[in-house]
Structure formats: C-alpha cells, structure tokens
Amino acid sequence: MPDVHHDPAAHTFSADVEGGAAELEYQHTGDTVTFVHTFVPEPARGGNVGSSLVEAGLAWARENDYTVVPQCPFVASYMDGHPETQDLLA
C-alpha cells in the first residue's frame, strides 16, 4: 500500500508511485467534501493505489464529520462497493 499524504492547502490526497504521483482531488465547503477527480499513473494502475487514496479521503471525512459527494466516478464506484461508507453520503 502506498504512503498517502494529505495536503489541505492543495485539496489533495497523494501518493508517490511508479510513474509519478497519484492524486485524489477534492473541494471542501462547510461540512461537505466533494471528491472530484482521481488520477493514478498508468504503471501503478491495478495496484489498489486509487482505493488507498479514496480510503484516506473517506477516513478524513469521517474523522471530521463531513458528508461526501462522490462526483468522481472512481470514488462513487468505490463507495457503491463498500456499504460501510454509505452513511457518509451527502
């Protein structure tokens, strides 16, 4: 699993992986976090990097009592497949 870093100023969760940086971008307004885009470099795809980013983002949202809007299709798919995350939906 990659080491995921949160950069609140840049509104990203990121990880250094083969091929560059993987990122999960978000927008934060009030008590709502909208996950807008996930990017994983081609050489690192299929290695659960995207899932690690989403898990970190959702854990942060949960810790701060934020609701989540999964605008990014990858985040929406992850949440659809993980019923334990449904309570975070805005």
PDB file of N, CA and C in Angstrom:
ATOM      1  N   MET A   1       0.836  -1.183   0.000  1.00  0.00           N
ATOM      2  CA  MET A   1       0.000   0.000   0.000  1.00  0.00           C
ATOM      3  C   MET A   1       0.884   1.250   0.000  1.00  0.00           C
ATOM      4  N   PRO A   2       0.520   2.209  -0.798  1.00  0.00           N
ATOM      5  CA  PRO A   2       1.332   3.437  -0.844  1.00  0.00           C
ATOM      6  C   PRO A   2       1.122   4.292   0.407  1.00  0.00           C
ATOM      7  N   ASP A   3       2.093   5.127   0.678  1.00  0.00           N
ATOM      8  CA  ASP A   3       2.009   6.085   1.777  1.00  0.00           C
ATOM      9  C   ASP A   3       1.252   7.304   1.259  1.00  0.00           C
ATOM     10  N   VAL A   4       0.049   7.525   1.780  1.00  0.00           N
ATOM     11  CA  VAL A   4      -0.816   8.604   1.300  1.00  0.00           C
ATOM     12  C   VAL A   4      -0.610   9.851   2.153  1.00  0.00           C
ATOM     13  N   HIS A   5      -0.433  10.979   1.479  1.00  0.00           N
ATOM     14  CA  HIS A   5      -0.228  12.270   2.144  1.00  0.00           C
ATOM     15  C   HIS A   5      -1.419  13.180   1.863  1.00  0.00           C
ATOM     16  N   HIS A   6      -1.854  13.900   2.878  1.00  0.00           N
ATOM     17  CA  HIS A   6      -2.947  14.857   2.718  1.00  0.00           C
ATOM     18  C   HIS A   6      -2.359  16.260   2.689  1.00  0.00           C
ATOM     19  N   ASP A   7      -2.695  17.017   1.665  1.00  0.00           N
ATOM     20  CA  ASP A   7      -2.271  18.410   1.547  1.00  0.00           C
ATOM     21  C   ASP A   7      -3.522  19.289   1.530  1.00  0.00           C
ATOM     22  N   PRO A   8      -3.969  19.743   2.727  1.00  0.00           N
ATOM     23  CA  PRO A   8      -5.198  20.535   2.782  1.00  0.00           C
ATOM     24  C   PRO A   8      -5.145  21.808   1.942  1.00  0.00           C
ATOM     25  N   ALA A   9      -3.982  22.432   1.844  1.00  0.00           N
ATOM     26  CA  ALA A   9      -3.868  23.672   1.072  1.00  0.00           C
ATOM     27  C   ALA A   9      -4.121  23.423  -0.418  1.00  0.00           C
ATOM     28  N   ALA A  10      -3.703  22.256  -0.910  1.00  0.00           N
ATOM     29  CA  ALA A  10      -3.885  21.914  -2.322  1.00  0.00           C
ATOM     30  C   ALA A  10      -5.166  21.111  -2.564  1.00  0.00           C
ATOM     31  N   HIS A  11      -5.870  20.757  -1.482  1.00  0.00           N
ATOM     32  CA  HIS A  11      -7.092  19.949  -1.562  1.00  0.00           C
ATOM     33  C   HIS A  11      -6.836  18.629  -2.270  1.00  0.00           C
ATOM     34  N   THR A  12      -5.769  17.943  -1.845  1.00  0.00           N
ATOM     35  CA  THR A  12      -5.443  16.652  -2.445  1.00  0.00           C
ATOM     36  C   THR A  12      -4.976  15.647  -1.401  1.00  0.00           C
ATOM     37  N   PHE A  13      -5.209  14.393  -1.732  1.00  0.00           N
ATOM     38  CA  PHE A  13      -4.550  13.262  -1.099  1.00  0.00           C
ATOM     39  C   PHE A  13      -3.651  12.716  -2.194  1.00  0.00           C
ATOM     40  N   SER A  14      -2.398  12.423  -1.885  1.00  0.00           N
ATOM     41  CA  SER A  14      -1.495  11.969  -2.933  1.00  0.00           C
ATOM     42  C   SER A  14      -0.565  10.876  -2.420  1.00  0.00           C
ATOM     43  N   ALA A  15       0.017  10.173  -3.372  1.00  0.00           N
ATOM     44  CA  ALA A  15       0.984   9.124  -3.071  1.00  0.00           C
ATOM     45  C   ALA A  15       1.998   9.072  -4.198  1.00  0.00           C
ATOM     46  N   ASP A  16       3.264   8.944  -3.829  1.00  0.00           N
ATOM     47  CA  ASP A  16       4.312   8.759  -4.833  1.00  0.00           C
ATOM     48  C   ASP A  16       4.330   7.288  -5.221  1.00  0.00           C
ATOM     49  N   VAL A  17       4.106   7.025  -6.495  1.00  0.00           N
ATOM     50  CA  VAL A  17       4.031   5.658  -7.003  1.00  0.00           C
ATOM     51  C   VAL A  17       4.839   5.545  -8.290  1.00  0.00           C
ATOM     52  N   GLU A  18       4.969   4.319  -8.786  1.00  0.00           N
ATOM     53  CA  GLU A  18       5.655   4.118 -10.053  1.00  0.00           C
ATOM     54  C   GLU A  18       4.967   4.942 -11.138  1.00  0.00           C
ATOM     55  N   GLY A  19       5.724   5.747 -11.832  1.00  0.00           N
ATOM     56  CA  GLY A  19       5.169   6.573 -12.896  1.00  0.00           C
ATOM     57  C   GLY A  19       4.844   7.993 -12.475  1.00  0.00           C
ATOM     58  N   GLY A  20       5.010   8.317 -11.174  1.00  0.00           N
ATOM     59  CA  GLY A  20       4.743   9.690 -10.734  1.00  0.00           C
ATOM     60  C   GLY A  20       3.862   9.749  -9.502  1.00  0.00           C
ATOM     61  N   ALA A  21       3.048  10.785  -9.439  1.00  0.00           N
ATOM     62  CA  ALA A  21       2.183  10.997  -8.278  1.00  0.00           C
ATOM     63  C   ALA A  21       0.748  10.597  -8.599  1.00  0.00           C
ATOM     64  N   ALA A  22       0.152   9.857  -7.689  1.00  0.00           N
ATOM     65  CA  ALA A  22      -1.278   9.549  -7.766  1.00  0.00           C
ATOM     66  C   ALA A  22      -1.991  10.565  -6.887  1.00  0.00           C
ATOM     67  N   GLU A  23      -3.161  11.029  -7.326  1.00  0.00           N
ATOM     68  CA  GLU A  23      -3.855  12.077  -6.567  1.00  0.00           C
ATOM     69  C   GLU A  23      -5.358  11.851  -6.528  1.00  0.00           C
ATOM     70  N   LEU A  24      -5.927  12.260  -5.412  1.00  0.00           N
ATOM     71  CA  LEU A  24      -7.369  12.374  -5.250  1.00  0.00           C
ATOM     72  C   LEU A  24      -7.627  13.836  -4.919  1.00  0.00           C
ATOM     73  N   GLU A  25      -8.326  14.533  -5.809  1.00  0.00           N
ATOM     74  CA  GLU A  25      -8.616  15.953  -5.615  1.00  0.00           C
ATOM     75  C   GLU A  25     -10.013  16.114  -5.040  1.00  0.00           C
ATOM     76  N   TYR A  26     -10.158  17.124  -4.179  1.00  0.00           N
ATOM     77  CA  TYR A  26     -11.460  17.378  -3.583  1.00  0.00           C
ATOM     78  C   TYR A  26     -11.723  18.866  -3.427  1.00  0.00           C
ATOM     79  N   GLN A  27     -12.999  19.177  -3.226  1.00  0.00           N
ATOM     80  CA  GLN A  27     -13.437  20.521  -2.862  1.00  0.00           C
ATOM     81  C   GLN A  27     -14.091  20.404  -1.495  1.00  0.00           C
ATOM     82  N   HIS A  28     -13.860  21.383  -0.643  1.00  0.00           N
ATOM     83  CA  HIS A  28     -14.391  21.339   0.714  1.00  0.00           C
ATOM     84  C   HIS A  28     -15.176  22.615   0.969  1.00  0.00           C
ATOM     85  N   THR A  29     -16.464  22.459   1.239  1.00  0.00           N
ATOM     86  CA  THR A  29     -17.330  23.596   1.521  1.00  0.00           C
ATOM     87  C   THR A  29     -18.157  23.267   2.750  1.00  0.00           C
ATOM     88  N   GLY A  30     -17.964  24.030   3.822  1.00  0.00           N
ATOM     89  CA  GLY A  30     -18.722  23.782   5.047  1.00  0.00           C
ATOM     90  C   GLY A  30     -18.462  22.389   5.573  1.00  0.00           C
ATOM     91  N   ASP A  31     -19.544  21.600   5.696  1.00  0.00           N
ATOM     92  CA  ASP A  31     -19.432  20.233   6.201  1.00  0.00           C
ATOM     93  C   ASP A  31     -19.473  19.193   5.093  1.00  0.00           C
ATOM     94  N   THR A  32     -19.246  19.633   3.858  1.00  0.00           N
ATOM     95  CA  THR A  32     -19.330  18.721   2.718  1.00  0.00           C
ATOM     96  C   THR A  32     -18.008  18.671   1.959  1.00  0.00           C
ATOM     97  N   VAL A  33     -17.608  17.459   1.608  1.00  0.00           N
ATOM     98  CA  VAL A  33     -16.421  17.236   0.784  1.00  0.00           C
ATOM     99  C   VAL A  33     -16.890  16.618  -0.525  1.00  0.00           C
ATOM    100  N   THR A  34     -16.504  17.235  -1.631  1.00  0.00           N
ATOM    101  CA  THR A  34     -16.812  16.696  -2.944  1.00  0.00           C
ATOM    102  C   THR A  34     -15.515  16.169  -3.544  1.00  0.00           C
ATOM    103  N   PHE A  35     -15.457  14.850  -3.741  1.00  0.00           N
ATOM    104  CA  PHE A  35     -14.283  14.248  -4.379  1.00  0.00           C
ATOM    105  C   PHE A  35     -14.488  14.350  -5.882  1.00  0.00           C
ATOM    106  N   VAL A  36     -13.601  15.129  -6.533  1.00  0.00           N
ATOM    107  CA  VAL A  36     -13.839  15.488  -7.933  1.00  0.00           C
ATOM    108  C   VAL A  36     -13.016  14.711  -8.950  1.00  0.00           C
ATOM    109  N   HIS A  37     -11.856  14.192  -8.565  1.00  0.00           N
ATOM    110  CA  HIS A  37     -11.008  13.536  -9.562  1.00  0.00           C
ATOM    111  C   HIS A  37      -9.985  12.638  -8.890  1.00  0.00           C
ATOM    112  N   THR A  38      -9.817  11.463  -9.454  1.00  0.00           N
ATOM    113  CA  THR A  38      -8.762  10.542  -9.015  1.00  0.00           C
ATOM    114  C   THR A  38      -7.871  10.272 -10.219  1.00  0.00           C
ATOM    115  N   PHE A  39      -6.570  10.336 -10.003  1.00  0.00           N
ATOM    116  CA  PHE A  39      -5.614  10.021 -11.063  1.00  0.00           C
ATOM    117  C   PHE A  39      -4.540   9.090 -10.519  1.00  0.00           C
ATOM    118  N   VAL A  40      -4.300   8.002 -11.238  1.00  0.00           N
ATOM    119  CA  VAL A  40      -3.212   7.080 -10.917  1.00  0.00           C
ATOM    120  C   VAL A  40      -2.412   6.878 -12.199  1.00  0.00           C
ATOM    121  N   PRO A  41      -1.087   7.111 -12.153  1.00  0.00           N
ATOM    122  CA  PRO A  41      -0.270   6.901 -13.358  1.00  0.00           C
ATOM    123  C   PRO A  41      -0.418   5.473 -13.887  1.00  0.00           C
ATOM    124  N   GLU A  42      -0.376   5.332 -15.177  1.00  0.00           N
ATOM    125  CA  GLU A  42      -0.570   4.039 -15.851  1.00  0.00           C
ATOM    126  C   GLU A  42       0.240   2.890 -15.225  1.00  0.00           C
ATOM    127  N   PRO A  43       1.553   3.066 -14.948  1.00  0.00           N
ATOM    128  CA  PRO A  43       2.319   1.930 -14.398  1.00  0.00           C
ATOM    129  C   PRO A  43       1.837   1.451 -13.029  1.00  0.00           C
ATOM    130  N   ALA A  44       1.121   2.290 -12.297  1.00  0.00           N
ATOM    131  CA  ALA A  44       0.685   1.929 -10.942  1.00  0.00           C
ATOM    132  C   ALA A  44      -0.772   1.479 -10.891  1.00  0.00           C
ATOM    133  N   ARG A  45      -1.460   1.491 -12.021  1.00  0.00           N
ATOM    134  CA  ARG A  45      -2.878   1.113 -12.023  1.00  0.00           C
ATOM    135  C   ARG A  45      -3.036  -0.379 -11.743  1.00  0.00           C
ATOM    136  N   GLY A  46      -4.120  -0.712 -11.073  1.00  0.00           N
ATOM    137  CA  GLY A  46      -4.387  -2.105 -10.745  1.00  0.00           C
ATOM    138  C   GLY A  46      -3.727  -2.552  -9.449  1.00  0.00           C
ATOM    139  N   GLY A  47      -3.034  -1.643  -8.777  1.00  0.00           N
ATOM    140  CA  GLY A  47      -2.338  -1.992  -7.550  1.00  0.00           C
ATOM    141  C   GLY A  47      -2.992  -1.447  -6.296  1.00  0.00           C
ATOM    142  N   ASN A  48      -4.272  -1.133  -6.364  1.00  0.00           N
ATOM    143  CA  ASN A  48      -5.034  -0.605  -5.228  1.00  0.00           C
ATOM    144  C   ASN A  48      -4.597   0.783  -4.786  1.00  0.00           C
ATOM    145  N   VAL A  49      -3.875   1.499  -5.628  1.00  0.00           N
ATOM    146  CA  VAL A  49      -3.446   2.852  -5.292  1.00  0.00           C
ATOM    147  C   VAL A  49      -4.653   3.775  -5.183  1.00  0.00           C
ATOM    148  N   GLY A  50      -5.534   3.708  -6.165  1.00  0.00           N
ATOM    149  CA  GLY A  50      -6.731   4.545  -6.135  1.00  0.00           C
ATOM    150  C   GLY A  50      -7.577   4.270  -4.906  1.00  0.00           C
ATOM    151  N   SER A  51      -7.734   3.011  -4.579  1.00  0.00           N
ATOM    152  CA  SER A  51      -8.509   2.645  -3.392  1.00  0.00           C
ATOM    153  C   SER A  51      -7.866   3.184  -2.128  1.00  0.00           C
ATOM    154  N   SER A  52      -6.546   3.158  -2.065  1.00  0.00           N
ATOM    155  CA  SER A  52      -5.845   3.696  -0.896  1.00  0.00           C
ATOM    156  C   SER A  52      -6.092   5.191  -0.750  1.00  0.00           C
ATOM    157  N   LEU A  53      -6.093   5.903  -1.870  1.00  0.00           N
ATOM    158  CA  LEU A  53      -6.377   7.337  -1.832  1.00  0.00           C
ATOM    159  C   LEU A  53      -7.804   7.591  -1.343  1.00  0.00           C
ATOM    160  N   VAL A  54      -8.754   6.837  -1.884  1.00  0.00           N
ATOM    161  CA  VAL A  54     -10.151   7.016  -1.505  1.00  0.00           C
ATOM    162  C   VAL A  54     -10.350   6.672  -0.034  1.00  0.00           C
ATOM    163  N   GLU A  55      -9.741   5.587   0.421  1.00  0.00           N
ATOM    164  CA  GLU A  55      -9.868   5.200   1.826  1.00  0.00           C
ATOM    165  C   GLU A  55      -9.348   6.302   2.749  1.00  0.00           C
ATOM    166  N   ALA A  56      -8.226   6.914   2.376  1.00  0.00           N
ATOM    167  CA  ALA A  56      -7.672   8.003   3.186  1.00  0.00           C
ATOM    168  C   ALA A  56      -8.614   9.205   3.185  1.00  0.00           C
ATOM    169  N   GLY A  57      -9.154   9.535   2.017  1.00  0.00           N
ATOM    170  CA  GLY A  57     -10.081  10.658   1.915  1.00  0.00           C
ATOM    171  C   GLY A  57     -11.354  10.428   2.711  1.00  0.00           C
ATOM    172  N   LEU A  58     -11.894   9.224   2.636  1.00  0.00           N
ATOM    173  CA  LEU A  58     -13.118   8.918   3.374  1.00  0.00           C
ATOM    174  C   LEU A  58     -12.863   8.876   4.878  1.00  0.00           C
ATOM    175  N   ALA A  59     -11.704   8.379   5.281  1.00  0.00           N
ATOM    176  CA  ALA A  59     -11.359   8.359   6.714  1.00  0.00           C
ATOM    177  C   ALA A  59     -11.267   9.787   7.244  1.00  0.00           C
ATOM    178  N   TRP A  60     -10.662  10.671   6.461  1.00  0.00           N
ATOM    179  CA  TRP A  60     -10.556  12.084   6.850  1.00  0.00           C
ATOM    180  C   TRP A  60     -11.945  12.707   6.969  1.00  0.00           C
ATOM    181  N   ALA A  61     -12.817  12.411   5.994  1.00  0.00           N
ATOM    182  CA  ALA A  61     -14.183  12.944   6.038  1.00  0.00           C
ATOM    183  C   ALA A  61     -14.896  12.443   7.298  1.00  0.00           C
ATOM    184  N   ARG A  62     -14.760  11.160   7.589  1.00  0.00           N
ATOM    185  CA  ARG A  62     -15.426  10.581   8.755  1.00  0.00           C
ATOM    186  C   ARG A  62     -14.899  11.197  10.053  1.00  0.00           C
ATOM    187  N   GLU A  63     -13.581  11.349  10.156  1.00  0.00           N
ATOM    188  CA  GLU A  63     -12.966  11.912  11.366  1.00  0.00           C
ATOM    189  C   GLU A  63     -13.448  13.335  11.639  1.00  0.00           C
ATOM    190  N   ASN A  64     -13.801  14.046  10.574  1.00  0.00           N
ATOM    191  CA  ASN A  64     -14.213  15.444  10.708  1.00  0.00           C
ATOM    192  C   ASN A  64     -15.725  15.652  10.592  1.00  0.00           C
ATOM    193  N   ASP A  65     -16.473  14.542  10.587  1.00  0.00           N
ATOM    194  CA  ASP A  65     -17.943  14.598  10.480  1.00  0.00           C
ATOM    195  C   ASP A  65     -18.417  15.328   9.229  1.00  0.00           C
ATOM    196  N   TYR A  66     -17.691  15.130   8.103  1.00  0.00           N
ATOM    197  CA  TYR A  66     -18.091  15.714   6.831  1.00  0.00           C
ATOM    198  C   TYR A  66     -18.968  14.713   6.075  1.00  0.00           C
ATOM    199  N   THR A  67     -19.886  15.231   5.267  1.00  0.00           N
ATOM    200  CA  THR A  67     -20.605  14.382   4.337  1.00  0.00           C
ATOM    201  C   THR A  67     -19.851  14.424   3.004  1.00  0.00           C
ATOM    202  N   VAL A  68     -20.104  13.418   2.178  1.00  0.00           N
ATOM    203  CA  VAL A  68     -19.325  13.221   0.957  1.00  0.00           C
ATOM    204  C   VAL A  68     -20.219  13.244  -0.278  1.00  0.00           C
ATOM    205  N   VAL A  69     -19.754  13.950  -1.303  1.00  0.00           N
ATOM    206  CA  VAL A  69     -20.361  13.905  -2.634  1.00  0.00           C
ATOM    207  C   VAL A  69     -19.325  13.242  -3.549  1.00  0.00           C
ATOM    208  N   PRO A  70     -19.593  12.011  -3.992  1.00  0.00           N
ATOM    209  CA  PRO A  70     -18.634  11.299  -4.842  1.00  0.00           C
ATOM    210  C   PRO A  70     -18.815  11.668  -6.313  1.00  0.00           C
ATOM    211  N   GLN A  71     -18.414  12.884  -6.678  1.00  0.00           N
ATOM    212  CA  GLN A  71     -18.547  13.349  -8.067  1.00  0.00           C
ATOM    213  C   GLN A  71     -17.652  12.527  -9.002  1.00  0.00           C
ATOM    214  N   CYS A  72     -16.498  12.130  -8.527  1.00  0.00           N
ATOM    215  CA  CYS A  72     -15.570  11.307  -9.301  1.00  0.00           C
ATOM    216  C   CYS A  72     -16.148   9.897  -9.459  1.00  0.00           C
ATOM    217  N   PRO A  73     -16.234   9.385 -10.682  1.00  0.00           N
ATOM    218  CA  PRO A  73     -16.786   8.040 -10.894  1.00  0.00           C
ATOM    219  C   PRO A  73     -16.048   6.948 -10.114  1.00  0.00           C
ATOM    220  N   PHE A  74     -14.737   7.078  -9.956  1.00  0.00           N
ATOM    221  CA  PHE A  74     -13.984   6.064  -9.209  1.00  0.00           C
ATOM    222  C   PHE A  74     -14.405   6.052  -7.747  1.00  0.00           C
ATOM    223  N   VAL A  75     -14.560   7.233  -7.152  1.00  0.00           N
ATOM    224  CA  VAL A  75     -14.990   7.326  -5.749  1.00  0.00           C
ATOM    225  C   VAL A  75     -16.408   6.783  -5.609  1.00  0.00           C
ATOM    226  N   ALA A  76     -17.283   7.130  -6.537  1.00  0.00           N
ATOM    227  CA  ALA A  76     -18.666   6.636  -6.494  1.00  0.00           C
ATOM    228  C   ALA A  76     -18.692   5.112  -6.570  1.00  0.00           C
ATOM    229  N   SER A  77     -17.892   4.541  -7.458  1.00  0.00           N
ATOM    230  CA  SER A  77     -17.830   3.092  -7.604  1.00  0.00           C
ATOM    231  C   SER A  77     -17.293   2.440  -6.328  1.00  0.00           C
ATOM    232  N   TYR A  78     -16.259   3.044  -5.752  1.00  0.00           N
ATOM    233  CA  TYR A  78     -15.696   2.515  -4.506  1.00  0.00           C
ATOM    234  C   TYR A  78     -16.767   2.504  -3.417  1.00  0.00           C
ATOM    235  N   MET A  79     -17.477   3.613  -3.280  1.00  0.00           N
ATOM    236  CA  MET A  79     -18.490   3.709  -2.230  1.00  0.00           C
ATOM    237  C   MET A  79     -19.652   2.749  -2.480  1.00  0.00           C
ATOM    238  N   ASP A  80     -20.020   2.551  -3.750  1.00  0.00           N
ATOM    239  CA  ASP A  80     -21.075   1.590  -4.085  1.00  0.00           C
ATOM    240  C   ASP A  80     -20.688   0.177  -3.639  1.00  0.00           C
ATOM    241  N   GLY A  81     -19.413  -0.138  -3.748  1.00  0.00           N
ATOM    242  CA  GLY A  81     -18.925  -1.467  -3.395  1.00  0.00           C
ATOM    243  C   GLY A  81     -18.576  -1.644  -1.933  1.00  0.00           C
ATOM    244  N   HIS A  82     -18.680  -0.579  -1.147  1.00  0.00           N
ATOM    245  CA  HIS A  82     -18.338  -0.636   0.278  1.00  0.00           C
ATOM    246  C   HIS A  82     -19.487  -0.045   1.094  1.00  0.00           C
ATOM    247  N   PRO A  83     -20.460  -0.897   1.454  1.00  0.00           N
ATOM    248  CA  PRO A  83     -21.660  -0.414   2.160  1.00  0.00           C
ATOM    249  C   PRO A  83     -21.339   0.351   3.456  1.00  0.00           C
ATOM    250  N   GLU A  84     -20.201   0.062   4.049  1.00  0.00           N
ATOM    251  CA  GLU A  84     -19.830   0.743   5.302  1.00  0.00           C
ATOM    252  C   GLU A  84     -19.543   2.232   5.095  1.00  0.00           C
ATOM    253  N   THR A  85     -19.480   2.663   3.836  1.00  0.00           N
ATOM    254  CA  THR A  85     -19.226   4.081   3.556  1.00  0.00           C
ATOM    255  C   THR A  85     -20.510   4.861   3.251  1.00  0.00           C
ATOM    256  N   GLN A  86     -21.622   4.169   3.115  1.00  0.00           N
ATOM    257  CA  GLN A  86     -22.866   4.804   2.673  1.00  0.00           C
ATOM    258  C   GLN A  86     -23.350   5.900   3.618  1.00  0.00           C
ATOM    259  N   ASP A  87     -23.051   5.781   4.904  1.00  0.00           N
ATOM    260  CA  ASP A  87     -23.512   6.780   5.857  1.00  0.00           C
ATOM    261  C   ASP A  87     -22.823   8.135   5.664  1.00  0.00           C
ATOM    262  N   LEU A  88     -21.748   8.156   4.871  1.00  0.00           N
ATOM    263  CA  LEU A  88     -21.040   9.414   4.611  1.00  0.00           C
ATOM    264  C   LEU A  88     -21.689  10.232   3.493  1.00  0.00           C
ATOM    265  N   LEU A  89     -22.532   9.592   2.692  1.00  0.00           N
ATOM    266  CA  LEU A  89     -23.101  10.295   1.535  1.00  0.00           C
ATOM    267  C   LEU A  89     -23.935  11.495   1.947  1.00  0.00           C
ATOM    268  N   ALA A  90     -23.738  12.587   1.210  1.00  0.00           N
ATOM    269  CA  ALA A  90     -24.495  13.819   1.481  1.00  0.00           C
ATOM    270  C   ALA A  90     -25.932  13.672   1.049  1.00  0.00           C
TER     271      ALA A  90
END
